[in-house]
Protein backbone atom coordinates (compact mmCIF):
# COMPACT_ATOMS: atom_id res chain seq x y z
CA MET A 1 5.54 96.70 -59.39
CA ASP A 2 5.80 95.80 -55.73
CA THR A 3 2.70 96.13 -53.67
CA PRO A 4 3.13 97.98 -50.41
CA PRO A 5 3.03 95.77 -47.33
CA ARG A 6 -0.38 95.45 -45.83
CA PRO A 7 -0.71 96.90 -42.37
CA ARG A 8 -0.96 94.26 -39.72
CA PRO A 9 -4.21 94.15 -37.83
CA ALA A 10 -3.97 95.22 -34.25
CA VAL A 11 -3.30 92.25 -32.01
CA LYS A 12 -5.87 91.93 -29.31
CA ALA A 13 -4.94 90.51 -25.96
CA VAL A 14 -6.35 87.03 -26.02
CA ARG A 15 -6.93 85.18 -22.81
CA GLU A 16 -6.10 81.53 -22.59
CA PRO A 17 -9.02 79.35 -23.55
CA VAL A 18 -10.67 78.92 -20.20
CA ALA A 19 -10.98 75.11 -20.24
CA VAL A 20 -12.53 75.32 -16.79
CA PRO A 21 -14.27 71.92 -16.98
CA ALA A 22 -10.97 70.20 -17.82
CA ARG A 23 -9.22 71.95 -14.93
CA VAL A 24 -12.00 70.94 -12.54
CA LEU A 25 -11.78 67.31 -13.62
CA SER A 26 -8.01 67.34 -13.25
CA ALA A 27 -8.09 68.94 -9.80
CA ARG A 28 -10.98 66.71 -8.76
CA ARG A 29 -8.75 63.61 -9.12
CA ALA A 30 -7.17 64.49 -5.77
CA PHE A 31 -10.45 64.69 -3.89
CA GLY A 32 -13.15 62.18 -3.05
CA SER A 33 -16.06 64.30 -4.25
CA ASP A 34 -17.13 67.63 -5.68
CA ALA A 35 -18.10 68.61 -2.14
CA GLU A 36 -14.55 67.98 -0.96
CA LEU A 37 -13.13 70.10 -3.81
CA ALA A 38 -15.63 72.82 -2.91
CA GLU A 39 -14.50 72.69 0.72
CA VAL A 40 -10.88 73.09 -0.34
CA ALA A 41 -11.82 76.06 -2.52
CA GLY A 42 -14.01 77.55 0.21
CA VAL A 43 -17.12 77.59 -1.98
CA HIS A 44 -20.49 75.85 -2.06
CA ARG A 45 -20.47 72.58 -3.98
CA SER A 46 -22.93 74.04 -6.48
CA ASN A 47 -20.08 76.30 -7.62
CA VAL A 48 -18.03 73.24 -8.58
CA THR A 49 -21.00 71.93 -10.57
CA ARG A 50 -21.25 75.24 -12.43
CA TRP A 51 -17.50 75.18 -13.11
CA LYS A 52 -17.85 71.69 -14.54
CA HIS A 53 -20.40 73.11 -16.96
CA GLY A 54 -18.01 75.85 -18.09
CA GLU A 55 -18.80 78.79 -15.82
CA ARG A 56 -15.62 80.70 -15.04
CA PRO A 57 -14.88 80.93 -11.31
CA ALA A 58 -14.08 84.15 -9.51
CA PRO A 59 -10.43 85.15 -10.12
CA GLU A 60 -9.15 83.84 -6.78
CA ASN A 61 -10.93 80.52 -7.30
CA PHE A 62 -9.70 80.28 -10.88
CA GLU A 63 -6.13 80.80 -9.65
CA LEU A 64 -6.60 78.03 -7.06
CA LEU A 65 -8.13 75.75 -9.70
CA VAL A 66 -5.17 76.33 -12.03
CA GLY A 67 -2.79 75.61 -9.14
CA LEU A 68 -4.60 72.43 -8.15
CA ASP A 69 -4.70 71.27 -11.77
CA ALA A 70 -0.95 71.85 -12.16
CA ALA A 71 -0.03 70.26 -8.83
CA VAL A 72 -2.23 67.19 -9.34
CA THR A 73 -0.91 66.71 -12.86
CA LEU A 74 2.72 66.91 -11.72
CA LEU A 75 2.21 64.74 -8.64
CA SER A 76 0.37 62.11 -10.66
CA GLN A 77 3.53 61.56 -12.70
CA PHE A 78 5.34 59.94 -9.77
CA LEU A 79 2.91 59.35 -6.89
CA ALA A 80 0.15 56.78 -6.58
CA PRO A 81 -3.32 58.34 -6.99
CA ARG A 82 -4.18 57.88 -3.31
CA SER A 83 -0.94 59.60 -2.27
CA VAL A 84 -1.68 62.84 -4.14
CA PRO A 85 -4.32 64.18 -1.71
CA LYS A 86 -2.14 63.16 1.23
CA TRP A 87 0.77 65.12 -0.23
CA LEU A 88 -1.41 68.18 -0.82
CA ARG A 89 -2.78 68.11 2.73
CA GLY A 90 0.41 67.13 4.53
CA PHE A 91 2.90 69.43 6.15
CA ASN A 92 5.84 69.81 3.80
CA ALA A 93 9.44 70.50 4.81
CA HIS A 94 10.17 71.97 1.35
CA LEU A 95 7.49 74.56 2.08
CA GLY A 96 8.77 75.48 5.52
CA GLY A 97 6.32 73.16 7.26
CA ARG A 98 3.31 74.59 5.44
CA ARG A 99 0.68 72.48 3.71
CA PRO A 100 0.73 72.66 -0.11
CA LEU A 101 -3.02 73.38 -0.18
CA ASP A 102 -2.51 76.41 2.04
CA VAL A 103 0.35 77.63 -0.14
CA LEU A 104 -1.84 77.24 -3.25
CA ARG A 105 -4.64 79.17 -1.54
CA ASP A 106 -2.12 81.97 -0.98
CA GLY A 107 -1.48 82.06 -4.73
CA ARG A 108 2.06 80.68 -4.53
CA LEU A 109 1.96 77.98 -7.19
CA SER A 110 5.65 78.39 -8.01
CA GLU A 111 6.60 77.40 -4.45
CA VAL A 112 4.44 74.28 -4.66
CA ILE A 113 5.95 73.35 -8.02
CA ALA A 114 9.44 73.74 -6.54
CA ALA A 115 8.44 71.47 -3.64
CA ILE A 116 7.01 68.92 -6.07
CA GLU A 117 10.24 68.94 -8.09
CA ALA A 118 12.31 68.54 -4.91
CA GLU A 119 10.11 65.63 -3.86
CA ARG A 120 10.34 64.04 -7.29
CA GLN A 121 14.12 64.28 -7.21
CA GLY A 122 14.28 62.83 -3.72
CA ALA A 123 15.76 65.96 -2.15
CA PHE A 124 15.63 66.33 1.60
CA ALA A 125 14.66 69.64 3.15
């Protein structure tokens, strides 16, 4: 005799494992100090210390941290370590003359990724 299929348990929405400390360490590679990362994020440097210990940042800061992590990781694949912060702070033709840090602060990671890919491929704006 066949047993009836068991009902599936309800699937709960699961957030990504936060991994805040790893994101902070990744983003931090582009800056000289925690204080400098804090300045970029517009927070007190004690916030960066708390993030390094696993405290989740406010949503807007978490979004910036994710963006910085992604950008630094991608840029590190083809730029020298000391060039990454220069690229993030420099005016970028692929971003309409805007600075990548400012674009990340506006929550536009996809635009920064497109600019990184264009840069990597040697495209001219």
